[in-house]
N, C-alpha and C. Protein backbone atom coordinates (compact mmCIF):
# COMPACT_ATOMS: atom_id res chain seq x y z
N MET A 1 181.21 134.74 94.35
CA MET A 1 179.81 134.95 94.00
C MET A 1 179.35 136.27 94.62
N SER A 2 178.70 137.07 93.82
CA SER A 2 178.21 138.35 94.34
C SER A 2 176.80 138.17 94.90
N TYR A 3 176.50 138.96 95.87
CA TYR A 3 175.19 138.91 96.51
C TYR A 3 174.48 140.22 96.25
N LEU A 4 173.32 140.15 95.66
CA LEU A 4 172.51 141.33 95.41
C LEU A 4 171.25 141.23 96.27
N PRO A 5 171.11 142.10 97.24
CA PRO A 5 169.95 142.00 98.13
C PRO A 5 168.66 142.36 97.41
N HIS A 6 167.60 141.74 97.82
CA HIS A 6 166.28 142.05 97.26
C HIS A 6 165.63 143.10 98.15
N ILE A 7 165.27 144.20 97.53
CA ILE A 7 164.66 145.29 98.26
C ILE A 7 163.23 145.47 97.75
N TYR A 8 162.28 145.47 98.65
CA TYR A 8 160.88 145.65 98.30
C TYR A 8 160.34 146.89 99.02
N PRO A 9 160.52 148.06 98.42
CA PRO A 9 160.03 149.28 99.07
C PRO A 9 158.51 149.28 99.19
N LEU A 10 158.02 149.81 100.26
CA LEU A 10 156.58 149.93 100.44
C LEU A 10 156.04 150.96 99.46
N SER A 11 154.86 150.74 99.00
CA SER A 11 154.15 151.60 98.05
C SER A 11 154.94 151.85 96.76
N ALA A 12 155.65 150.85 96.30
CA ALA A 12 156.39 150.95 95.04
C ALA A 12 155.62 150.24 93.94
N THR A 13 155.87 150.64 92.71
CA THR A 13 155.25 150.00 91.56
C THR A 13 156.24 149.03 90.95
N PHE A 14 155.79 147.81 90.70
CA PHE A 14 156.64 146.79 90.11
C PHE A 14 156.09 146.42 88.74
N PHE A 15 156.98 146.19 87.79
CA PHE A 15 156.60 145.77 86.45
C PHE A 15 157.08 144.35 86.24
N ILE A 16 156.17 143.50 85.82
CA ILE A 16 156.51 142.11 85.53
C ILE A 16 156.16 141.86 84.08
N THR A 17 157.12 141.38 83.33
CA THR A 17 156.90 141.10 81.92
C THR A 17 157.03 139.60 81.70
N PHE A 18 156.06 139.03 81.03
CA PHE A 18 156.13 137.62 80.71
C PHE A 18 155.42 137.37 79.39
N ARG A 19 155.70 136.26 78.80
CA ARG A 19 155.12 135.93 77.50
C ARG A 19 154.30 134.65 77.64
N LEU A 20 153.10 134.68 77.13
CA LEU A 20 152.23 133.51 77.15
C LEU A 20 152.24 132.88 75.76
N ALA A 21 153.24 132.07 75.51
CA ALA A 21 153.36 131.43 74.20
C ALA A 21 152.16 130.53 73.97
N ASP A 22 151.59 130.62 72.79
CA ASP A 22 150.43 129.81 72.40
C ASP A 22 149.23 130.01 73.32
N SER A 23 149.08 131.22 73.86
CA SER A 23 147.96 131.45 74.76
C SER A 23 146.65 131.70 74.02
N LEU A 24 146.74 132.05 72.73
CA LEU A 24 145.54 132.23 71.91
C LEU A 24 145.52 131.17 70.81
N PRO A 25 144.34 130.64 70.51
CA PRO A 25 144.24 129.70 69.39
C PRO A 25 144.59 130.41 68.08
N GLN A 26 145.12 129.67 67.14
CA GLN A 26 145.58 130.24 65.88
C GLN A 26 144.47 130.95 65.13
N HIS A 27 143.23 130.42 65.19
CA HIS A 27 142.15 131.08 64.46
C HIS A 27 141.85 132.47 65.03
N ASN A 28 142.05 132.66 66.34
CA ASN A 28 141.87 133.99 66.92
C ASN A 28 142.98 134.94 66.47
N ILE A 29 144.18 134.45 66.40
CA ILE A 29 145.30 135.27 65.94
C ILE A 29 145.08 135.68 64.49
N ASP A 30 144.62 134.74 63.67
CA ASP A 30 144.35 135.05 62.26
C ASP A 30 143.26 136.11 62.14
N GLN A 31 142.23 136.01 62.97
CA GLN A 31 141.13 136.98 62.93
C GLN A 31 141.63 138.37 63.34
N ILE A 32 142.44 138.44 64.37
CA ILE A 32 142.99 139.72 64.82
C ILE A 32 143.85 140.35 63.72
N LYS A 33 144.68 139.53 63.08
CA LYS A 33 145.52 140.04 61.99
C LYS A 33 144.66 140.56 60.84
N GLU A 34 143.61 139.82 60.50
CA GLU A 34 142.73 140.22 59.40
C GLU A 34 142.04 141.54 59.71
N GLU A 35 141.55 141.69 60.94
CA GLU A 35 140.90 142.94 61.35
C GLU A 35 141.89 144.10 61.32
N TYR A 36 143.12 143.85 61.73
CA TYR A 36 144.15 144.89 61.72
C TYR A 36 144.44 145.34 60.30
N ILE A 37 144.61 144.39 59.40
CA ILE A 37 144.89 144.72 58.00
C ILE A 37 143.73 145.49 57.38
N CYS A 38 142.52 145.08 57.68
CA CYS A 38 141.33 145.76 57.15
C CYS A 38 141.28 147.20 57.66
N SER A 39 141.52 147.40 58.94
CA SER A 39 141.52 148.75 59.51
C SER A 39 142.64 149.60 58.91
N ALA A 40 143.81 149.01 58.74
CA ALA A 40 144.94 149.75 58.16
C ALA A 40 144.63 150.16 56.74
N ASN A 41 143.99 149.28 55.98
CA ASN A 41 143.64 149.62 54.60
C ASN A 41 142.62 150.75 54.54
N LYS A 42 141.67 150.77 55.46
CA LYS A 42 140.68 151.85 55.50
C LYS A 42 141.36 153.19 55.79
N ILE A 43 142.32 153.18 56.69
CA ILE A 43 143.04 154.41 57.01
C ILE A 43 143.87 154.86 55.82
N LYS A 44 144.52 153.92 55.14
CA LYS A 44 145.33 154.26 53.96
C LYS A 44 144.46 154.87 52.86
N GLU A 45 143.26 154.36 52.70
CA GLU A 45 142.36 154.86 51.65
C GLU A 45 142.05 156.34 51.83
N LYS A 46 142.03 156.81 53.07
CA LYS A 46 141.74 158.22 53.33
C LYS A 46 142.82 159.13 52.76
N TYR A 47 144.05 158.62 52.66
CA TYR A 47 145.18 159.46 52.28
C TYR A 47 145.66 159.23 50.85
N ILE A 48 145.06 158.31 50.15
CA ILE A 48 145.46 158.04 48.77
C ILE A 48 144.78 159.05 47.85
N ASP A 49 145.56 159.65 46.96
CA ASP A 49 144.98 160.59 45.98
C ASP A 49 144.18 159.80 44.97
N LYS A 50 142.97 160.24 44.74
CA LYS A 50 142.11 159.53 43.79
C LYS A 50 141.94 160.35 42.55
């Protein structure tokens, strides 16, 4: 078995990544998706040749 020591340097920046599964209600997720699609469509309209 290998041993890897834990080193905690003073004044260092640590990154912690985690996922909060089901942390938002589905209706909030749907609303965020709808707002994103609406915003994307508005941006696309600026670049479409009319």
